[in-house]
Amino acid sequence: MDSSASHRNPQKGRRRKPITKPSSSSSWCCSFKSPPKSPETLSLSSSKTHLKIVGTTFESLSKSLNSFPNSPQSSKSGLSLVGRIDPRRILSPGRVSPIDSEMIPPKISNVCQEQELSRELGSTRSVGLGDERENMNAGSVSGAGEDEDDDDADGVVEEGVFDVRLSLKGKNGGGLLVLELNSKVLGENSKHFSGLIKNSKRRGGFFRIEVLEVENLGVFRETIELMFEVDISKKLIKYGAFRAIDILEVSASIKFDRGVSSCLKYLEAVPWTEEEEEKLKTLFTRFRFDDATNNEIFSRLNLNDSNSPHENLATQIVRSITTCSNTKTRNELKPMVKGLLSKSSVYEKHDFDITKEDLYSICQSCLSCLVSLFQEASGTAPVKQDGNKKNEKSLIEYIAWQVENITWLLEIFLDHQIAEDFAELWAHQNELLEMHQKASPMVRYELSRVSAVLFTAIGTRKLQCQAESRIALLYSWFSPMLLDFGWLQRCRKGLNVRELEEAMGQALLTLPLKKQYALFMEWFRCFSKHGTECPNLRNAFQIWWRRSFLRGSETPAVESR
């Protein structure tokens, strides 16, 4: 029977384990002395450190927790992380768990006083990491004279090792970070802090120094940490150039000469992005660095040489492209140089920008060469002494090359709004006009390619010419365009034919009505005879017709051309 009772109640007869209450030393959530090892409380302490961070405000520590896994800190920095946590998360042994907001400890205000914060955190070594992407300045540094009970409760820190309390206050109430430092290390590395320590009195076992309006607490803390590094360059390699510029700015502000020298040497030896280069330029206008490496960086930034020996560099580049015989190379370089010379370029152009006279001088050389080539193509060129004469294929290639040069220069003129003179120049190329009538269609249509760029610019309002220039240009090159339009359609070479047709009609409509009559009638006859071999100016023709006849105006007299 006993056995059956035991079978029915298998728990009977087992000894219950006594329930023990947790001791105060194991209650991690009520004491900061022995925090649990969790992702947010990873220990980085070292017995050799001369720096500990004793407190942060709520927002500063929240940023620290978020940025800690990606931080480049190592176990050598001698820092451990304990403090206030994000209100959305709570630490538990070995894990991070979301909990109800009612169970969260009260939030520490961003403007809490150092005395309240120190009393709450005690001698805990905690670190607050700043935002890695924000810009930072050193802020204003001053001594603080508040009396405060700073004796370490746990007795771990020996008096005389951490004898400076440095309070860093973020800009616009951006947080508070309190660091305890060794006065000897701090004074030997920073002339600025050395003077403040000498002028301060020890209170409660600490010299108190305050830094106000710090834009990035993390960068300032990292700069202080570098004072305790034997080889600063190894740390800078981990930080990168952008961060090193921030550290250089803080080092210069607090007169940390070893940090300044290390940052300059590192920055001189690595390539920069455009953003880093602009940041360095701004920094070098604010600080002066007496160092040989400083001159090397100056030479890279081109800040110390106001008289450059390459004043005509832009002109030389443009001229070299117009004389380049390699088609592939020329086609690759033209867009790049045009972009560099463009008014909308991101690159600043000061005293060494190419001038209008330089560009037109190069353009005139291309026009002279083009005239010589057409003379040779039409058989009117003078006989050369060497007797060398280009064959028809090479002539076509050379003519196309020079036309490409002229249209490329014309695009630069349009971008710089100096193309009006070229319109006048092209309108009076009488020699080319005469040879156009005699030359083969395979060659002569290249001249109309230049006219097409000008017509398009006028019709799309990119070029504003005087009335006389527009009349001369259209009366000179409109008829050749009608003859060459079929070839332009077949050999476009990047030309937008539909845009050209619309722009030609709009350009004709900018002329006086009496001048429009002759050109529109010429187009009408050509179009009715050759059809699609002529540009389609039907829309512009209808506008001209309404303006001329349907509004009661007299029919304009036909003018001889």
Protein backbone atom coordinates (compact mmCIF):
# COMPACT_ATOMS: atom_id res chain seq x y z
CA MET A 1 0.00 0.00 0.00
CA ASP A 2 2.85 2.28 0.70
CA SER A 3 4.24 1.49 -2.67
CA SER A 4 0.95 2.34 -4.39
CA ALA A 5 0.73 5.61 -2.51
CA SER A 6 4.24 6.38 -3.52
CA HIS A 7 3.33 5.54 -7.10
CA ARG A 8 0.33 7.86 -7.05
CA ASN A 9 2.34 10.71 -5.57
CA PRO A 10 5.84 10.55 -7.07
CA GLN A 11 6.80 13.91 -5.49
CA LYS A 12 6.23 12.64 -2.00
CA GLY A 13 9.34 11.93 -0.06
CA ARG A 14 11.57 14.27 -2.09
CA ARG A 15 13.51 16.87 -0.18
CA ARG A 16 12.86 20.40 -1.21
CA LYS A 17 15.81 22.69 -1.72
CA PRO A 18 15.88 25.65 0.65
CA ILE A 19 14.98 28.98 -0.92
CA THR A 20 17.71 31.55 -0.42
CA LYS A 21 17.30 35.26 -0.87
CA PRO A 22 19.73 36.94 -3.23
CA SER A 23 22.41 38.87 -1.46
CA SER A 24 22.99 42.55 -2.07
CA SER A 25 26.31 41.81 -3.77
CA SER A 26 24.65 39.71 -6.48
CA SER A 27 21.84 42.11 -7.18
CA TRP A 28 23.35 43.75 -10.29
CA CYS A 29 20.36 45.99 -11.00
CA CYS A 30 20.64 47.74 -7.64
CA SER A 31 24.38 48.18 -7.52
CA PHE A 32 26.86 49.46 -10.07
CA LYS A 33 29.79 47.76 -8.39
CA SER A 34 29.57 44.42 -10.20
CA PRO A 35 27.63 44.81 -13.42
CA PRO A 36 26.75 41.69 -15.43
CA LYS A 37 28.64 40.96 -18.61
CA SER A 38 26.19 41.71 -21.37
CA PRO A 39 26.54 43.33 -24.83
CA GLU A 40 26.22 46.78 -23.25
CA THR A 41 28.57 46.15 -20.30
CA LEU A 42 31.61 44.68 -22.02
CA SER A 43 34.66 45.37 -19.90
CA LEU A 44 37.54 47.19 -21.53
CA SER A 45 39.40 48.03 -18.33
CA SER A 46 43.16 47.89 -17.88
CA SER A 47 45.27 48.34 -14.79
CA LYS A 48 47.67 50.62 -16.66
CA THR A 49 45.04 53.20 -17.74
CA HIS A 50 45.26 56.83 -16.67
CA LEU A 51 41.74 57.67 -17.76
CA LYS A 52 38.25 56.73 -16.73
CA ILE A 53 34.88 58.18 -17.61
CA VAL A 54 32.70 58.46 -14.54
CA GLY A 55 29.40 59.65 -15.92
CA THR A 56 27.28 60.66 -18.87
CA THR A 57 23.85 62.14 -19.26
CA PHE A 58 21.05 59.98 -20.64
CA GLU A 59 21.21 61.04 -24.30
CA SER A 60 24.98 60.83 -24.48
CA LEU A 61 25.02 57.30 -23.08
CA SER A 62 22.18 56.21 -25.36
CA LYS A 63 24.29 57.22 -28.36
CA SER A 64 27.18 55.34 -26.77
CA LEU A 65 25.22 52.12 -26.52
CA ASN A 66 24.04 52.39 -30.10
CA SER A 67 27.46 53.14 -31.55
CA PHE A 68 29.57 50.86 -29.33
CA PRO A 69 29.55 47.69 -31.51
CA ASN A 70 30.98 49.63 -34.47
CA SER A 71 33.45 51.66 -32.43
CA PRO A 72 37.14 51.12 -33.21
CA GLN A 73 38.02 50.99 -29.50
CA SER A 74 40.26 48.18 -28.26
CA SER A 75 40.81 46.65 -24.86
CA LYS A 76 43.90 48.82 -24.45
CA SER A 77 41.88 51.98 -23.91
CA GLY A 78 41.13 51.00 -20.31
CA LEU A 79 37.43 51.84 -20.38
CA SER A 80 34.33 49.96 -19.27
CA LEU A 81 30.71 50.78 -19.97
CA VAL A 82 28.09 51.12 -17.21
CA GLY A 83 25.40 53.76 -16.92
CA ARG A 84 21.92 54.81 -17.86
CA ILE A 85 20.25 52.85 -20.64
CA ASP A 86 17.85 53.58 -23.43
CA PRO A 87 14.27 53.77 -22.08
CA ARG A 88 13.24 51.17 -24.66
CA ARG A 89 15.70 48.51 -23.46
CA ILE A 90 16.88 46.99 -20.17
CA LEU A 91 19.98 45.01 -19.35
CA SER A 92 19.62 41.45 -18.13
CA PRO A 93 22.41 38.93 -17.56
CA GLY A 94 23.73 37.86 -20.95
CA ARG A 95 20.95 39.39 -23.06
CA VAL A 96 19.07 42.56 -23.94
CA SER A 97 15.28 42.39 -23.64
CA PRO A 98 12.53 44.91 -24.35
CA ILE A 99 10.28 45.57 -21.33
CA ASP A 100 7.24 47.58 -20.50
CA SER A 101 7.90 51.31 -20.19
CA GLU A 102 6.38 51.35 -16.66
CA MET A 103 9.33 49.31 -15.37
CA ILE A 104 12.01 51.63 -16.79
CA PRO A 105 14.09 53.69 -14.34
CA PRO A 106 13.39 57.43 -14.48
CA LYS A 107 15.17 59.34 -17.26
CA ILE A 108 18.08 61.58 -16.33
CA SER A 109 17.64 65.11 -17.61
CA ASN A 110 20.13 66.43 -20.12
CA VAL A 111 20.86 69.39 -17.83
CA CYS A 112 21.47 67.44 -14.60
CA GLN A 113 24.32 68.73 -12.50
CA GLU A 114 27.68 67.01 -12.17
CA GLN A 115 27.23 66.56 -8.43
CA GLU A 116 23.98 64.60 -8.81
CA LEU A 117 25.41 62.52 -11.65
CA SER A 118 28.63 61.68 -9.80
CA ARG A 119 26.78 60.74 -6.62
CA GLU A 120 24.47 58.42 -8.61
CA LEU A 121 27.18 56.71 -10.67
CA GLY A 122 29.87 56.82 -7.98
CA SER A 123 33.29 55.64 -9.15
CA THR A 124 31.92 53.59 -12.04
CA ARG A 125 34.13 53.69 -15.14
CA SER A 126 31.75 54.37 -18.04
CA VAL A 127 32.21 55.69 -21.54
CA GLY A 128 29.93 57.72 -23.79
CA LEU A 129 30.63 57.48 -27.52
CA GLY A 130 29.71 60.45 -29.72
CA ASP A 131 28.16 60.34 -33.19
CA GLU A 132 30.93 59.29 -35.58
CA ARG A 133 29.62 61.41 -38.46
CA GLU A 134 29.17 64.80 -36.79
CA ASN A 135 31.62 67.67 -37.10
CA MET A 136 33.24 68.77 -33.86
CA ASN A 137 35.07 71.69 -32.35
CA ALA A 138 36.99 71.93 -29.12
CA GLY A 139 34.55 74.28 -27.43
CA SER A 140 35.49 76.72 -24.69
CA VAL A 141 37.66 75.39 -21.87
CA SER A 142 37.54 76.75 -18.34
CA GLY A 143 38.16 75.72 -14.76
CA ALA A 144 35.19 74.76 -12.59
CA GLY A 145 35.05 75.61 -8.92
CA GLU A 146 32.14 73.54 -7.51
CA ASP A 147 32.69 71.80 -4.20
CA GLU A 148 31.78 68.15 -4.43
CA ASP A 149 32.34 64.95 -2.48
CA ASP A 150 34.44 63.01 -4.98
CA ASP A 151 35.84 60.29 -2.73
CA ASP A 152 35.63 56.91 -4.47
CA ALA A 153 33.20 54.66 -2.67
CA ASP A 154 34.79 51.39 -3.65
CA GLY A 155 38.37 52.45 -2.91
CA VAL A 156 39.68 50.93 -6.17
CA VAL A 157 41.18 54.12 -7.54
CA GLU A 158 44.20 55.30 -5.63
CA GLU A 159 44.42 58.97 -4.79
CA GLY A 160 46.87 60.76 -7.05
CA VAL A 161 46.25 58.57 -10.12
CA PHE A 162 42.92 60.12 -11.21
CA ASP A 163 43.27 63.63 -9.84
CA VAL A 164 41.66 65.71 -12.65
CA ARG A 165 37.95 65.74 -13.31
CA LEU A 166 37.17 67.01 -16.84
CA SER A 167 33.53 67.81 -17.61
CA LEU A 168 32.59 67.94 -21.31
CA LYS A 169 29.30 69.65 -22.08
CA GLY A 170 27.74 69.20 -25.51
CA LYS A 171 26.70 72.08 -27.73
CA ASN A 172 23.13 73.34 -27.21
CA GLY A 173 22.57 70.98 -24.32
CA GLY A 174 23.78 67.98 -26.27
CA GLY A 175 24.88 65.97 -23.22
CA LEU A 176 27.45 65.80 -20.43
CA LEU A 177 30.51 63.57 -20.23
CA VAL A 178 32.75 63.47 -17.12
CA LEU A 179 36.30 62.10 -17.36
CA GLU A 180 38.77 61.46 -14.57
CA LEU A 181 42.36 61.84 -15.74
CA ASN A 182 45.91 61.80 -14.55
CA SER A 183 47.16 65.37 -14.21
CA LYS A 184 50.74 64.49 -15.16
CA VAL A 185 49.77 62.86 -18.46
CA LEU A 186 47.20 65.57 -19.26
CA GLY A 187 49.59 68.42 -18.45
CA GLU A 188 52.55 66.96 -20.35
CA ASN A 189 50.49 66.48 -23.52
CA SER A 190 48.34 69.64 -23.54
CA LYS A 191 49.78 73.08 -22.89
CA HIS A 192 46.29 74.44 -22.55
CA PHE A 193 45.22 71.99 -19.86
CA SER A 194 48.60 72.30 -18.17
CA GLY A 195 47.96 76.00 -17.56
CA LEU A 196 44.46 75.35 -16.30
CA ILE A 197 45.67 72.69 -13.86
CA LYS A 198 48.34 75.01 -12.47
CA ASN A 199 45.77 77.75 -11.91
CA SER A 200 43.23 75.41 -10.29
CA LYS A 201 42.95 74.33 -6.67
CA ARG A 202 42.41 70.74 -5.66
CA ARG A 203 38.93 70.26 -4.21
CA GLY A 204 37.71 66.95 -2.96
CA GLY A 205 40.86 65.31 -4.33
CA PHE A 206 40.36 66.62 -7.90
CA PHE A 207 41.29 69.50 -10.13
CA ARG A 208 38.09 70.45 -11.97
CA ILE A 209 38.13 71.59 -15.61
CA GLU A 210 35.14 72.25 -17.83
CA VAL A 211 34.84 72.24 -21.64
CA LEU A 212 31.72 73.93 -22.99
CA GLU A 213 29.94 73.86 -26.37
CA VAL A 214 31.49 70.61 -27.66
CA GLU A 215 29.86 69.61 -30.95
CA ASN A 216 31.00 65.99 -30.77
CA LEU A 217 31.80 64.48 -27.41
CA GLY A 218 33.12 61.28 -28.99
CA VAL A 219 35.85 63.04 -30.98
CA PHE A 220 36.98 65.05 -27.96
CA ARG A 221 37.17 61.89 -25.85
CA GLU A 222 39.13 60.08 -28.57
CA THR A 223 41.60 62.97 -28.71
CA ILE A 224 42.12 62.76 -24.94
CA GLU A 225 42.63 58.99 -25.23
CA LEU A 226 45.42 59.53 -27.77
CA MET A 227 47.45 61.25 -25.04
CA PHE A 228 47.83 57.84 -23.39
CA GLU A 229 48.86 56.08 -26.63
CA VAL A 230 52.54 55.41 -27.37
CA ASP A 231 51.98 55.15 -31.15
CA ILE A 232 49.20 57.53 -32.20
CA SER A 233 49.59 56.71 -35.89
CA LYS A 234 48.21 53.18 -35.39
CA LYS A 235 45.02 54.61 -33.93
CA LEU A 236 44.68 57.13 -36.76
CA ILE A 237 44.87 54.34 -39.32
CA LYS A 238 41.80 52.79 -37.70
CA TYR A 239 39.95 56.11 -37.54
CA GLY A 240 40.54 57.16 -41.17
CA ALA A 241 41.26 60.55 -42.75
CA PHE A 242 37.88 62.19 -42.09
CA ARG A 243 38.05 61.41 -38.36
CA ALA A 244 41.73 62.37 -38.22
CA ILE A 245 40.81 65.88 -39.44
CA ASP A 246 38.35 66.20 -36.55
CA ILE A 247 41.00 65.02 -34.10
CA LEU A 248 43.49 67.46 -35.62
CA GLU A 249 41.05 70.29 -34.99
CA VAL A 250 40.62 69.36 -31.31
CA SER A 251 44.36 68.77 -30.86
CA ALA A 252 45.10 72.23 -32.23
CA SER A 253 42.48 73.79 -29.95
CA ILE A 254 43.88 72.26 -26.77
CA LYS A 255 47.53 72.57 -27.94
CA PHE A 256 48.12 68.83 -28.03
CA ASP A 257 51.34 69.05 -30.08
CA ARG A 258 51.98 65.31 -30.34
CA GLY A 259 48.47 64.78 -31.64
CA VAL A 260 48.80 67.63 -34.15
CA SER A 261 52.09 66.27 -35.49
CA SER A 262 50.75 62.71 -35.78
CA CYS A 263 47.58 63.85 -37.55
CA LEU A 264 49.53 65.99 -40.03
CA LYS A 265 51.91 63.14 -40.86
CA TYR A 266 49.03 60.73 -41.36
CA LEU A 267 46.99 63.12 -43.51
CA GLU A 268 49.97 64.00 -45.68
CA ALA A 269 50.57 60.33 -46.49
CA VAL A 270 47.02 59.30 -47.47
CA PRO A 271 44.75 60.30 -50.38
CA TRP A 272 41.74 62.55 -49.67
CA THR A 273 38.23 62.66 -50.94
CA GLU A 274 36.89 66.00 -52.16
CA GLU A 275 34.89 66.37 -48.95
CA GLU A 276 38.01 65.76 -46.84
CA GLU A 277 39.99 68.22 -48.96
CA GLU A 278 37.41 70.97 -48.44
CA LYS A 279 37.36 70.22 -44.73
CA LEU A 280 41.15 70.53 -44.57
CA LYS A 281 41.07 73.83 -46.44
CA THR A 282 38.61 75.23 -43.91
CA LEU A 283 40.72 73.98 -41.02
CA PHE A 284 43.94 75.43 -42.41
CA THR A 285 42.34 78.85 -42.68
CA ARG A 286 41.61 78.73 -38.93
CA PHE A 287 44.85 77.28 -37.56
CA ARG A 288 48.54 77.66 -38.34
CA PHE A 289 50.79 74.64 -37.93
CA ASP A 290 54.56 75.10 -37.75
CA ASP A 291 55.75 71.81 -39.19
CA ALA A 292 57.50 70.57 -42.31
CA THR A 293 54.60 68.20 -42.92
CA ASN A 294 52.31 71.21 -42.78
CA ASN A 295 54.07 72.64 -45.84
CA GLU A 296 53.61 69.35 -47.68
CA ILE A 297 49.86 69.48 -47.06
CA PHE A 298 49.84 73.13 -48.09
CA SER A 299 51.47 72.23 -51.37
CA ARG A 300 48.77 69.61 -52.01
CA LEU A 301 46.03 72.10 -51.20
CA ASN A 302 47.72 74.83 -53.29
CA LEU A 303 47.21 77.37 -50.48
CA ASN A 304 50.73 78.76 -50.16
CA ASP A 305 51.50 79.50 -53.82
CA SER A 306 49.58 82.46 -55.20
CA ASN A 307 51.74 82.71 -58.33
CA SER A 308 51.24 79.43 -60.12
CA PRO A 309 53.62 78.77 -63.04
CA HIS A 310 50.73 77.22 -65.01
CA GLU A 311 48.63 80.32 -65.67
CA ASN A 312 47.99 79.22 -69.27
CA LEU A 313 47.38 75.58 -68.41
CA ALA A 314 43.72 75.65 -69.54
CA THR A 315 44.71 77.20 -72.87
CA GLN A 316 47.42 74.59 -73.39
CA ILE A 317 44.97 71.76 -72.68
CA VAL A 318 42.34 73.09 -75.09
CA ARG A 319 44.92 73.64 -77.82
CA SER A 320 46.39 70.17 -77.34
CA ILE A 321 42.95 68.60 -77.79
CA THR A 322 42.28 70.49 -81.03
CA THR A 323 45.62 69.24 -82.39
CA CYS A 324 45.25 65.64 -81.13
CA SER A 325 45.18 63.19 -84.05
CA ASN A 326 43.95 60.16 -82.10
CA THR A 327 40.16 60.08 -82.50
CA LYS A 328 39.45 57.81 -79.53
CA THR A 329 41.63 59.83 -77.16
CA ARG A 330 40.17 63.11 -78.41
CA ASN A 331 36.60 61.90 -77.91
CA GLU A 332 37.37 60.86 -74.33
CA LEU A 333 39.16 64.08 -73.37
CA LYS A 334 36.69 66.57 -74.87
CA PRO A 335 33.79 65.92 -72.45
CA MET A 336 36.15 65.94 -69.47
CA VAL A 337 37.81 69.27 -70.36
CA LYS A 338 34.47 70.82 -71.28
CA GLY A 339 33.13 69.83 -67.87
CA LEU A 340 36.16 71.30 -66.10
CA LEU A 341 35.78 74.59 -67.96
CA SER A 342 32.00 74.66 -67.54
CA LYS A 343 30.50 77.46 -65.49
CA SER A 344 28.41 74.92 -63.60
CA SER A 345 31.50 72.88 -62.68
CA VAL A 346 31.94 71.99 -59.00
CA TYR A 347 35.59 72.98 -59.31
CA GLU A 348 36.36 76.57 -58.42
CA LYS A 349 38.03 78.62 -61.11
CA HIS A 350 39.87 81.75 -60.03
CA ASP A 351 42.59 83.74 -61.74
CA PHE A 352 43.76 80.95 -64.05
CA ASP A 353 40.49 80.38 -65.89
CA ILE A 354 40.78 80.38 -69.69
CA THR A 355 40.00 83.74 -71.29
CA LYS A 356 37.75 84.62 -74.21
CA GLU A 357 40.74 85.81 -76.25
CA ASP A 358 42.54 82.49 -75.76
CA LEU A 359 39.52 80.48 -76.90
CA TYR A 360 38.89 82.62 -79.97
CA SER A 361 42.57 82.45 -80.89
CA ILE A 362 42.36 78.64 -80.92
CA CYS A 363 39.08 78.79 -82.85
CA GLN A 364 40.59 81.06 -85.48
CA SER A 365 43.41 78.56 -85.99
CA CYS A 366 40.85 75.78 -86.58
CA LEU A 367 38.94 77.96 -89.08
CA SER A 368 42.11 78.76 -91.01
CA CYS A 369 42.98 75.08 -91.18
CA LEU A 370 39.43 74.28 -92.36
CA VAL A 371 39.70 76.86 -95.17
CA SER A 372 42.99 75.31 -96.30
CA LEU A 373 41.46 71.85 -96.35
CA PHE A 374 38.49 73.03 -98.44
CA GLN A 375 40.82 74.76 -100.84
CA GLU A 376 42.63 71.48 -101.30
CA ALA A 377 39.35 69.60 -101.70
CA SER A 378 38.08 72.04 -104.34
CA GLY A 379 41.41 72.13 -106.21
CA THR A 380 42.04 75.83 -105.52
CA ALA A 381 44.84 75.32 -103.01
CA PRO A 382 48.34 76.52 -103.98
CA VAL A 383 50.77 73.77 -104.98
CA LYS A 384 53.10 72.78 -102.13
CA GLN A 385 56.83 72.52 -102.67
CA ASP A 386 57.04 68.97 -101.33
CA GLY A 387 54.24 67.90 -103.69
CA ASN A 388 52.50 65.90 -100.96
CA LYS A 389 48.77 65.93 -101.43
CA LYS A 390 46.14 64.25 -99.27
CA ASN A 391 43.87 61.71 -100.89
CA GLU A 392 40.09 62.12 -100.81
CA LYS A 393 39.61 59.85 -97.81
CA SER A 394 42.14 61.65 -95.66
CA LEU A 395 40.69 65.02 -96.70
CA ILE A 396 37.25 63.97 -95.49
CA GLU A 397 38.73 62.81 -92.19
CA TYR A 398 40.71 66.02 -91.67
CA ILE A 399 37.72 68.22 -92.50
CA ALA A 400 35.50 66.26 -90.11
CA TRP A 401 38.20 66.57 -87.44
CA GLN A 402 38.37 70.37 -87.73
CA VAL A 403 34.57 70.68 -87.77
CA GLU A 404 34.44 68.64 -84.55
CA ASN A 405 36.98 71.01 -82.99
CA ILE A 406 34.96 74.07 -84.01
CA THR A 407 31.63 72.69 -82.77
CA TRP A 408 33.29 71.66 -79.48
CA LEU A 409 34.69 75.16 -78.99
CA LEU A 410 31.29 76.57 -79.91
CA GLU A 411 29.69 74.56 -77.10
CA ILE A 412 32.21 76.05 -74.67
CA PHE A 413 31.38 79.53 -76.04
CA LEU A 414 27.69 78.90 -75.44
CA ASP A 415 28.30 77.70 -71.89
CA HIS A 416 30.33 80.83 -71.12
CA GLN A 417 27.83 83.03 -73.01
CA ILE A 418 30.46 84.36 -75.40
CA ALA A 419 29.16 82.77 -78.62
CA GLU A 420 27.72 85.99 -80.11
CA ASP A 421 31.08 86.91 -81.62
CA PHE A 422 31.35 83.47 -83.21
CA ALA A 423 27.91 83.89 -84.83
CA GLU A 424 29.17 87.11 -86.42
CA LEU A 425 32.43 85.40 -87.42
CA TRP A 426 30.67 82.40 -89.01
CA ALA A 427 28.17 84.61 -90.88
CA HIS A 428 31.02 86.24 -92.82
CA GLN A 429 32.98 83.15 -93.89
CA ASN A 430 32.61 84.15 -97.53
CA GLU A 431 35.47 81.97 -98.74
CA LEU A 432 33.95 78.84 -97.20
CA LEU A 433 30.55 79.78 -98.68
CA GLU A 434 32.04 79.96 -102.18
CA MET A 435 33.83 76.64 -101.82
CA HIS A 436 30.68 75.03 -100.41
CA GLN A 437 29.02 75.43 -103.82
CA LYS A 438 31.93 73.66 -105.55
CA ALA A 439 32.74 70.94 -103.02
CA SER A 440 31.41 67.40 -103.02
CA PRO A 441 28.27 66.74 -100.86
CA MET A 442 30.37 64.21 -98.90
CA VAL A 443 32.54 67.11 -97.68
CA ARG A 444 30.42 70.25 -97.77
CA TYR A 445 27.70 68.99 -95.40
CA GLU A 446 30.27 69.21 -92.56
CA LEU A 447 30.03 73.00 -92.76
CA SER A 448 26.29 72.83 -92.20
CA ARG A 449 27.01 70.93 -89.00
CA VAL A 450 28.47 74.13 -87.54
CA SER A 451 25.46 76.11 -88.77
CA ALA A 452 23.15 73.55 -87.16
CA VAL A 453 24.66 74.21 -83.71
CA LEU A 454 24.17 77.96 -84.14
CA PHE A 455 20.58 77.62 -85.44
CA THR A 456 19.69 75.32 -82.55
CA ALA A 457 21.20 77.70 -80.00
CA ILE A 458 19.23 80.66 -81.38
CA GLY A 459 15.96 78.72 -81.64
CA THR A 460 16.28 77.33 -78.08
CA ARG A 461 17.20 80.74 -76.57
CA LYS A 462 20.73 79.70 -75.63
CA LEU A 463 22.24 82.35 -77.90
CA GLN A 464 21.09 85.95 -78.08
CA CYS A 465 22.49 87.81 -81.10
CA GLN A 466 21.89 91.27 -82.44
CA ALA A 467 19.36 91.47 -85.27
CA GLU A 468 22.09 92.21 -87.81
CA SER A 469 24.05 89.11 -86.79
CA ARG A 470 20.98 86.87 -87.00
CA ILE A 471 20.01 88.23 -90.43
CA ALA A 472 23.54 87.80 -91.80
CA LEU A 473 23.87 84.29 -90.35
CA LEU A 474 20.53 83.00 -91.69
CA TYR A 475 20.87 84.65 -95.09
CA SER A 476 24.36 83.15 -95.48
CA TRP A 477 23.87 79.57 -94.24
CA PHE A 478 20.12 78.81 -94.60
CA SER A 479 20.38 77.78 -98.27
CA PRO A 480 23.43 75.50 -97.68
CA MET A 481 21.47 73.90 -94.83
CA LEU A 482 18.58 73.09 -97.19
CA LEU A 483 21.02 71.37 -99.55
CA ASP A 484 22.86 69.41 -96.85
CA PHE A 485 19.92 68.39 -94.65
CA GLY A 486 19.59 64.95 -96.26
CA TRP A 487 23.25 64.21 -95.51
CA LEU A 488 22.85 65.48 -91.93
CA GLN A 489 19.96 63.04 -91.45
CA ARG A 490 22.05 60.12 -92.64
CA CYS A 491 25.28 61.13 -90.85
CA ARG A 492 23.98 62.64 -87.63
CA LYS A 493 27.08 62.19 -85.40
CA GLY A 494 25.05 63.06 -82.33
CA LEU A 495 22.94 65.76 -84.01
CA ASN A 496 19.28 65.87 -82.94
CA VAL A 497 17.52 66.40 -86.28
CA ARG A 498 14.04 66.98 -84.82
CA GLU A 499 15.36 69.60 -82.45
CA LEU A 500 17.21 71.23 -85.36
CA GLU A 501 14.02 71.45 -87.45
CA GLU A 502 12.04 73.06 -84.64
CA ALA A 503 14.89 75.44 -83.78
CA MET A 504 15.41 76.50 -87.43
CA GLY A 505 11.75 77.55 -87.66
CA GLN A 506 11.97 79.46 -84.38
CA ALA A 507 15.20 81.15 -85.49
CA LEU A 508 13.52 82.33 -88.72
CA LEU A 509 10.65 83.79 -86.70
CA THR A 510 13.08 86.05 -84.80
CA LEU A 511 13.73 88.02 -88.01
CA PRO A 512 11.63 90.97 -89.19
CA LEU A 513 8.56 89.81 -91.15
CA LYS A 514 9.87 91.16 -94.43
CA LYS A 515 13.13 89.23 -93.96
CA GLN A 516 11.22 86.06 -93.08
CA TYR A 517 9.30 86.14 -96.38
CA ALA A 518 12.25 85.31 -98.65
CA LEU A 519 13.55 82.50 -96.44
CA PHE A 520 10.17 80.84 -95.84
CA MET A 521 9.33 80.96 -99.54
CA GLU A 522 12.70 79.42 -100.36
CA TRP A 523 12.02 76.63 -97.89
CA PHE A 524 8.49 76.10 -99.31
CA ARG A 525 9.83 75.60 -102.82
CA CYS A 526 12.57 73.23 -101.65
CA PHE A 527 10.26 71.21 -99.41
CA SER A 528 7.60 70.84 -102.10
CA LYS A 529 10.27 69.55 -104.49
CA HIS A 530 12.48 67.34 -102.26
CA GLY A 531 10.17 66.45 -99.35
CA THR A 532 11.92 64.77 -96.45
CA GLU A 533 15.34 65.72 -97.83
CA CYS A 534 14.52 69.22 -96.55
CA PRO A 535 13.86 70.22 -92.91
CA ASN A 536 10.20 70.26 -91.92
CA LEU A 537 9.39 73.87 -90.97
CA ARG A 538 5.64 73.51 -91.35
CA ASN A 539 4.74 74.76 -87.85
CA ALA A 540 6.89 77.86 -88.15
CA PHE A 541 5.58 78.50 -91.67
CA GLN A 542 1.98 78.47 -90.38
CA ILE A 543 2.87 80.94 -87.63
CA TRP A 544 4.52 83.24 -90.16
CA TRP A 545 1.48 82.96 -92.46
CA ARG A 546 -0.98 83.94 -89.70
CA ARG A 547 1.16 86.86 -88.60
CA SER A 548 1.65 88.10 -92.15
CA PHE A 549 -1.78 87.65 -93.78
CA LEU A 550 -4.53 86.75 -91.35
CA ARG A 551 -4.16 89.80 -89.13
CA GLY A 552 -4.84 92.38 -91.81
CA SER A 553 -1.21 93.22 -92.47
CA GLU A 554 -0.13 93.97 -95.99
CA THR A 555 1.61 91.27 -97.97
CA PRO A 556 5.33 91.93 -97.63
CA ALA A 557 7.20 92.66 -100.80
CA VAL A 558 9.65 90.07 -102.03
CA GLU A 559 13.17 91.24 -101.39
CA SER A 560 16.06 90.26 -103.56
CA ARG A 561 18.80 88.52 -101.71
